[in-house]
Amino acid sequence: MFGNLKGNVPAPTKVVKDSLIKFARERNRKVPTYVVMVDEYLTSQICPRCQTRTTSNEKNSSGLKIHPVLKCSTCDTRWNRDHTASINIRSVFLYMAQNNSNRPEAFRRT
């Protein structure tokens, strides 16, 4: 679980989580369903290809940053920020499932 410094879960996250749990319970009570909360910390900043935190915003021809587009300076791949986050959230989840709920080192809060 994650949240702000006081330990509270942000309201939209709590609403989505509660809705998913309610849907799962109403949908099929014979099959166990789990809702796993994955902290999104650094998921849009680490390159899914090379696992380094060397991404920076892509710039247009005028030199202005294009917020949704990141470029990895290590492997020279360009990523949509949301796509990067979704790939990394999946990777974090799969890692946690196999490693007793521990996060990969690159995605841990220090």
Protein backbone atom coordinates (compact mmCIF):
# COMPACT_ATOMS: atom_id res chain seq x y z
CA MET A 1 0.00 0.00 0.00
CA PHE A 2 1.20 3.51 -0.58
CA GLY A 3 -0.02 7.04 -0.01
CA ASN A 4 1.11 10.42 1.16
CA LEU A 5 3.52 11.20 3.99
CA LYS A 6 0.76 10.71 6.56
CA GLY A 7 0.10 7.20 5.21
CA ASN A 8 -3.27 8.01 3.68
CA VAL A 9 -4.20 6.53 0.31
CA PRO A 10 -5.15 9.25 -2.21
CA ALA A 11 -8.93 9.37 -2.69
CA PRO A 12 -9.09 8.41 -6.41
CA THR A 13 -6.89 5.36 -5.75
CA LYS A 14 -9.09 4.26 -2.87
CA VAL A 15 -12.27 4.69 -4.94
CA VAL A 16 -10.85 2.64 -7.82
CA LYS A 17 -9.57 -0.07 -5.46
CA ASP A 18 -12.91 -0.29 -3.64
CA SER A 19 -14.80 -0.44 -6.96
CA LEU A 20 -12.57 -3.25 -8.24
CA ILE A 21 -13.05 -5.25 -5.05
CA LYS A 22 -16.82 -4.77 -5.17
CA PHE A 23 -16.94 -5.78 -8.86
CA ALA A 24 -14.84 -8.89 -8.20
CA ARG A 25 -17.07 -9.97 -5.31
CA GLU A 26 -20.28 -9.50 -7.28
CA ARG A 27 -18.92 -11.07 -10.46
CA ASN A 28 -18.04 -14.54 -9.29
CA ARG A 29 -17.80 -15.65 -5.70
CA LYS A 30 -16.49 -19.14 -6.60
CA VAL A 31 -13.17 -17.95 -7.97
CA PRO A 32 -10.82 -16.06 -5.64
CA THR A 33 -10.03 -12.60 -6.96
CA TYR A 34 -7.27 -10.37 -5.69
CA VAL A 35 -6.64 -6.66 -6.07
CA VAL A 36 -2.96 -5.81 -5.80
CA MET A 37 -1.94 -2.20 -5.36
CA VAL A 38 1.35 -1.40 -7.08
CA ASP A 39 3.10 1.83 -6.16
CA GLU A 40 3.76 3.79 -9.35
CA TYR A 41 7.00 5.27 -7.98
CA LEU A 42 9.51 5.79 -10.86
CA THR A 43 7.50 3.67 -13.31
CA SER A 44 7.39 6.42 -15.94
CA GLN A 45 11.04 7.41 -15.42
CA ILE A 46 12.87 4.10 -15.87
CA CYS A 47 13.36 2.74 -19.38
CA PRO A 48 11.58 -0.63 -19.74
CA ARG A 49 14.13 -1.80 -22.32
CA CYS A 50 17.41 -1.24 -20.45
CA GLN A 51 16.12 -0.60 -16.88
CA THR A 52 18.09 2.62 -16.42
CA ARG A 53 16.84 5.94 -15.11
CA THR A 54 18.33 7.99 -17.89
CA THR A 55 15.18 9.22 -19.56
CA SER A 56 14.58 12.84 -20.45
CA ASN A 57 11.77 14.67 -22.19
CA GLU A 58 11.97 14.69 -25.96
CA LYS A 59 12.15 18.17 -27.47
CA ASN A 60 10.42 19.49 -30.57
CA SER A 61 12.12 21.47 -33.35
CA SER A 62 11.75 24.67 -31.29
CA GLY A 63 13.54 23.10 -28.33
CA LEU A 64 10.38 22.86 -26.19
CA LYS A 65 9.88 19.73 -24.09
CA ILE A 66 7.22 17.28 -25.24
CA HIS A 67 5.91 16.10 -21.86
CA PRO A 68 4.40 12.72 -22.88
CA VAL A 69 7.49 11.58 -24.83
CA LEU A 70 10.61 10.37 -23.05
CA LYS A 71 13.94 9.45 -24.60
CA CYS A 72 16.36 7.03 -22.97
CA SER A 73 19.90 8.33 -23.29
CA THR A 74 21.32 4.84 -22.69
CA CYS A 75 19.53 2.80 -25.38
CA ASP A 76 18.22 5.75 -27.45
CA THR A 77 14.61 4.50 -27.32
CA ARG A 78 11.69 6.92 -27.32
CA TRP A 79 8.71 6.06 -25.13
CA ASN A 80 5.29 7.44 -24.37
CA ARG A 81 5.37 8.18 -20.64
CA ASP A 82 2.09 6.31 -19.95
CA HIS A 83 3.17 3.30 -22.00
CA THR A 84 6.47 3.20 -20.11
CA ALA A 85 4.62 3.30 -16.78
CA SER A 86 2.20 0.52 -17.76
CA ILE A 87 5.03 -1.79 -18.89
CA ASN A 88 6.97 -1.10 -15.70
CA ILE A 89 3.95 -1.53 -13.40
CA ARG A 90 3.39 -4.96 -14.94
CA SER A 91 7.08 -5.81 -14.45
CA VAL A 92 6.99 -4.64 -10.82
CA PHE A 93 3.87 -6.73 -10.18
CA LEU A 94 5.37 -9.88 -11.72
CA TYR A 95 8.61 -9.38 -9.78
CA MET A 96 6.70 -8.88 -6.52
CA ALA A 97 4.64 -12.03 -7.16
CA GLN A 98 7.84 -14.08 -7.41
CA ASN A 99 9.84 -12.32 -4.68
CA ASN A 100 7.66 -12.26 -1.57
CA SER A 101 6.15 -8.83 -2.37
CA ASN A 102 9.56 -7.13 -2.59
CA ARG A 103 9.95 -4.50 -5.30
CA PRO A 104 12.77 -4.54 -7.85
CA GLU A 105 15.75 -2.51 -6.64
CA ALA A 106 15.37 0.12 -9.38
CA PHE A 107 11.80 0.92 -8.25
CA ARG A 108 12.37 1.07 -4.49
CA ARG A 109 11.97 4.24 -2.50
CA THR A 110 15.16 5.23 -0.74
